[in-house]
C-alpha atoms as a PDB file:
ATOM      1  CA  MET A   1      55.244 -66.935  39.535  1.00  0.00           C
ATOM      2  CA  VAL A   2      52.284 -64.688  40.786  1.00  0.00           C
ATOM      3  CA  THR A   3      48.592 -65.497  40.967  1.00  0.00           C
ATOM      4  CA  PHE A   4      45.641 -63.719  41.934  1.00  0.00           C
ATOM      5  CA  GLU A   5      41.675 -63.460  41.184  1.00  0.00           C
ATOM      6  CA  ALA A   6      40.762 -60.476  38.620  1.00  0.00           C
ATOM      7  CA  LYS A   7      37.273 -59.164  37.228  1.00  0.00           C
ATOM      8  CA  ALA A   8      36.803 -58.724  33.305  1.00  0.00           C
ATOM      9  CA  ILE A   9      34.683 -55.747  33.038  1.00  0.00           C
ATOM     10  CA  MET A  10      34.129 -56.425  29.025  1.00  0.00           C
ATOM     11  CA  ASN A  11      34.183 -59.287  26.894  1.00  0.00           C
ATOM     12  CA  ILE A  12      38.002 -59.673  25.629  1.00  0.00           C
ATOM     13  CA  PRO A  13      38.657 -62.395  23.336  1.00  0.00           C
ATOM     14  CA  ALA A  14      41.739 -64.388  23.432  1.00  0.00           C
ATOM     15  CA  ASN A  15      45.256 -63.388  22.233  1.00  0.00           C
ATOM     16  CA  ARG A  16      44.530 -60.100  23.393  1.00  0.00           C
ATOM     17  CA  LEU A  17      46.330 -57.332  25.212  1.00  0.00           C
ATOM     18  CA  ILE A  18      44.970 -56.385  28.721  1.00  0.00           C
ATOM     19  CA  ALA A  19      45.569 -53.621  31.059  1.00  0.00           C
ATOM     20  CA  PHE A  20      44.452 -53.261  34.747  1.00  0.00           C
ATOM     21  CA  GLY A  21      41.571 -50.902  35.168  1.00  0.00           C
ATOM     22  CA  GLY A  22      41.133 -48.471  38.071  1.00  0.00           C
ATOM     23  CA  ILE A  23      39.106 -48.609  41.110  1.00  0.00           C
ATOM     24  CA  ASN A  24      36.190 -46.850  39.185  1.00  0.00           C
ATOM     25  CA  SER A  25      36.521 -48.679  35.951  1.00  0.00           C
ATOM     26  CA  ASN A  26      33.120 -50.649  36.726  1.00  0.00           C
ATOM     27  CA  GLY A  27      31.277 -47.828  38.117  1.00  0.00           C
ATOM     28  CA  ASP A  28      31.292 -49.227  41.606  1.00  0.00           C
ATOM     29  CA  PRO A  29      34.606 -47.870  43.691  1.00  0.00           C
ATOM     30  CA  GLU A  30      33.258 -49.697  46.627  1.00  0.00           C
ATOM     31  CA  GLU A  31      33.870 -53.012  45.141  1.00  0.00           C
ATOM     32  CA  GLY A  32      36.923 -51.655  42.922  1.00  0.00           C
ATOM     33  CA  TRP A  33      38.530 -51.225  46.269  1.00  0.00           C
ATOM     34  CA  GLU A  34      39.059 -55.127  46.717  1.00  0.00           C
ATOM     35  CA  THR A  35      38.795 -55.775  42.962  1.00  0.00           C
ATOM     36  CA  VAL A  36      41.341 -55.995  40.102  1.00  0.00           C
ATOM     37  CA  TYR A  37      39.696 -55.112  36.889  1.00  0.00           C
ATOM     38  CA  LEU A  38      40.521 -55.886  33.594  1.00  0.00           C
ATOM     39  CA  ILE A  39      40.184 -53.980  30.426  1.00  0.00           C
ATOM     40  CA  LYS A  40      41.443 -54.413  26.726  1.00  0.00           C
ATOM     41  CA  SER A  41      44.408 -52.176  26.567  1.00  0.00           C
ATOM     42  CA  LYS A  42      44.590 -49.148  24.085  1.00  0.00           C
ATOM     43  CA  LYS A  43      46.665 -47.882  21.647  1.00  0.00           C
ATOM     44  CA  GLY A  44      49.951 -46.658  23.083  1.00  0.00           C
ATOM     45  CA  TRP A  45      49.191 -48.443  26.009  1.00  0.00           C
ATOM     46  CA  ILE A  46      51.892 -50.329  27.524  1.00  0.00           C
ATOM     47  CA  PRO A  47      49.839 -53.620  28.539  1.00  0.00           C
ATOM     48  CA  ASP A  48      49.998 -55.612  31.805  1.00  0.00           C
ATOM     49  CA  LEU A  49      48.777 -59.090  30.466  1.00  0.00           C
ATOM     50  CA  VAL A  50      48.156 -60.794  27.566  1.00  0.00           C
ATOM     51  CA  THR A  51      45.182 -63.538  27.761  1.00  0.00           C
ATOM     52  CA  SER A  52      45.289 -66.905  25.867  1.00  0.00           C
ATOM     53  CA  VAL A  53      41.397 -67.648  26.733  1.00  0.00           C
ATOM     54  CA  ASP A  54      38.514 -65.548  25.982  1.00  0.00           C
ATOM     55  CA  LEU A  55      37.141 -63.691  29.321  1.00  0.00           C
ATOM     56  CA  ASP A  56      33.564 -62.759  29.476  1.00  0.00           C
ATOM     57  CA  LYS A  57      32.316 -59.598  31.178  1.00  0.00           C
ATOM     58  CA  ASP A  58      31.965 -59.850  34.741  1.00  0.00           C
ATOM     59  CA  GLU A  59      33.835 -63.043  34.933  1.00  0.00           C
ATOM     60  CA  ILE A  60      36.017 -63.397  37.785  1.00  0.00           C
ATOM     61  CA  VAL A  61      39.210 -65.064  36.545  1.00  0.00           C
ATOM     62  CA  LYS A  62      42.544 -66.585  37.861  1.00  0.00           C
ATOM     63  CA  VAL A  63      45.232 -64.566  36.585  1.00  0.00           C
ATOM     64  CA  SER A  64      49.172 -65.981  36.396  1.00  0.00           C
ATOM     65  CA  ILE A  65      52.039 -63.673  35.721  1.00  0.00           C
ATOM     66  CA  ALA A  66      54.869 -65.677  34.634  1.00  0.00           C
ATOM     67  CA  ASN A  67      57.227 -62.848  33.313  1.00  0.00           C
ATOM     68  CA  ASN A  68      57.732 -64.396  30.099  1.00  0.00           C
ATOM     69  CA  PRO A  69      59.521 -62.469  27.455  1.00  0.00           C
ATOM     70  CA  VAL A  70      57.537 -63.317  24.553  1.00  0.00           C
ATOM     71  CA  TRP A  71      53.993 -62.838  24.017  1.00  0.00           C
ATOM     72  CA  ASN A  72      51.506 -64.251  21.358  1.00  0.00           C
ATOM     73  CA  VAL A  73      48.571 -61.689  20.594  1.00  0.00           C
ATOM     74  CA  GLU A  74      46.362 -61.309  17.515  1.00  0.00           C
ATOM     75  CA  ALA A  75      47.690 -59.258  14.628  1.00  0.00           C
ATOM     76  CA  ALA A  76      45.465 -55.918  13.783  1.00  0.00           C
ATOM     77  CA  GLN A  77      47.245 -56.005  10.117  1.00  0.00           C
ATOM     78  CA  ASP A  78      49.936 -57.896   7.985  1.00  0.00           C
ATOM     79  CA  LEU A  79      53.185 -57.534   9.925  1.00  0.00           C
ATOM     80  CA  PRO A  80      56.758 -58.768   8.541  1.00  0.00           C
ATOM     81  CA  ALA A  81      59.137 -60.613  10.908  1.00  0.00           C
ATOM     82  CA  GLY A  82      61.261 -57.637  12.878  1.00  0.00           C
ATOM     83  CA  THR A  83      58.439 -55.229  12.844  1.00  0.00           C
ATOM     84  CA  LEU A  84      58.406 -52.981  15.970  1.00  0.00           C
ATOM     85  CA  VAL A  85      54.691 -53.286  17.002  1.00  0.00           C
ATOM     86  CA  GLN A  86      52.546 -51.109  19.370  1.00  0.00           C
ATOM     87  CA  CYS A  87      48.975 -52.061  20.686  1.00  0.00           C
ATOM     88  CA  ASP A  88      45.477 -50.439  18.986  1.00  0.00           C
ATOM     89  CA  ASP A  89      42.215 -49.943  20.626  1.00  0.00           C
ATOM     90  CA  GLU A  90      41.281 -53.409  20.636  1.00  0.00           C
ATOM     91  CA  GLY A  91      44.168 -54.994  22.583  1.00  0.00           C
ATOM     92  CA  ARG A  92      45.891 -56.292  19.057  1.00  0.00           C
ATOM     93  CA  VAL A  93      49.071 -55.555  17.928  1.00  0.00           C
ATOM     94  CA  LYS A  94      49.905 -52.962  14.623  1.00  0.00           C
ATOM     95  CA  SER A  95      53.210 -51.565  13.563  1.00  0.00           C
ATOM     96  CA  TYR A  96      54.581 -49.016  15.379  1.00  0.00           C
ATOM     97  CA  SER A  97      53.751 -45.145  14.766  1.00  0.00           C
ATOM     98  CA  THR A  98      55.584 -42.622  16.585  1.00  0.00           C
ATOM     99  CA  LYS A  99      52.210 -40.333  16.722  1.00  0.00           C
ATOM    100  CA  ASP A 100      50.513 -43.671  18.680  1.00  0.00           C
ATOM    101  CA  GLY A 101      52.601 -43.689  21.750  1.00  0.00           C
ATOM    102  CA  ASN A 102      54.504 -46.194  22.996  1.00  0.00           C
ATOM    103  CA  HIS A 103      56.020 -49.479  21.326  1.00  0.00           C
ATOM    104  CA  ILE A 104      55.798 -52.577  22.940  1.00  0.00           C
ATOM    105  CA  GLY A 105      58.054 -55.027  21.105  1.00  0.00           C
ATOM    106  CA  TYR A 106      59.123 -56.382  17.993  1.00  0.00           C
ATOM    107  CA  THR A 107      57.614 -59.674  15.558  1.00  0.00           C
ATOM    108  CA  LEU A 108      59.699 -62.752  15.716  1.00  0.00           C
ATOM    109  CA  HIS A 109      57.770 -63.843  12.283  1.00  0.00           C
ATOM    110  CA  SER A 110      55.498 -62.334   9.908  1.00  0.00           C
ATOM    111  CA  VAL A 111      51.839 -62.766   9.934  1.00  0.00           C
ATOM    112  CA  LYS A 112      48.307 -61.684   8.147  1.00  0.00           C
ATOM    113  CA  SER A 113      45.872 -59.829   9.826  1.00  0.00           C
ATOM    114  CA  GLY A 114      43.790 -61.605  12.485  1.00  0.00           C
ATOM    115  CA  GLU A 115      46.496 -64.401  13.170  1.00  0.00           C
ATOM    116  CA  VAL A 116      48.655 -65.029  15.984  1.00  0.00           C
ATOM    117  CA  VAL A 117      51.714 -63.506  16.384  1.00  0.00           C
ATOM    118  CA  SER A 118      54.887 -63.875  18.799  1.00  0.00           C
ATOM    119  CA  PHE A 119      56.638 -60.496  19.593  1.00  0.00           C
ATOM    120  CA  VAL A 120      59.175 -60.199  22.151  1.00  0.00           C
ATOM    121  CA  ARG A 121      58.097 -57.795  24.666  1.00  0.00           C
ATOM    122  CA  LYS A 122      60.648 -54.413  24.509  1.00  0.00           C
ATOM    123  CA  TYR A 123      58.848 -51.299  25.518  1.00  0.00           C
ATOM    124  CA  GLY A 124      60.073 -47.534  24.677  1.00  0.00           C
ATOM    125  CA  VAL A 125      59.227 -44.736  22.596  1.00  0.00           C
ATOM    126  CA  PHE A 126      60.931 -43.004  19.907  1.00  0.00           C
ATOM    127  CA  PRO A 127      61.293 -39.141  20.349  1.00  0.00           C
ATOM    128  CA  VAL A 128      59.355 -36.921  17.405  1.00  0.00           C
ATOM    129  CA  ASP A 129      62.488 -35.126  15.709  1.00  0.00           C
ATOM    130  CA  ASP A 130      61.237 -31.782  15.359  1.00  0.00           C
ATOM    131  CA  GLY A 131      64.251 -30.949  12.699  1.00  0.00           C
ATOM    132  CA  GLY A 132      65.918 -28.478  15.361  1.00  0.00           C
ATOM    133  CA  GLY A 133      69.394 -30.165  14.936  1.00  0.00           C
ATOM    134  CA  ASP A 134      69.929 -30.671  18.665  1.00  0.00           C
END
């Protein structure tokens, strides 16, 4: 397991997918040179982390990476068991759509919108069928 400190540059509710922000994510490249920033993951992104607690804007938090293959994340919609999912713009999971980017895994059980779902991480993207017959 790896542990380090990072700064949440926005309010991030518990059970949301997180991405690392870049050097100028907070408008201060000097601070960003030495600071790891945390932001909510966006639609189609492959997230870097998941949070189990609420993170407040500008809070410095201790991050632990345990390489867990199953993450627990809030569902943006009703999801049946075995659904291929991807990130939405609020760091939640939604059912996968090829037009929205990468998938990040599949659900282990069904949930209603707003509930927390366990999903197995499995990243990828299906190619869009252009009808070319190749």
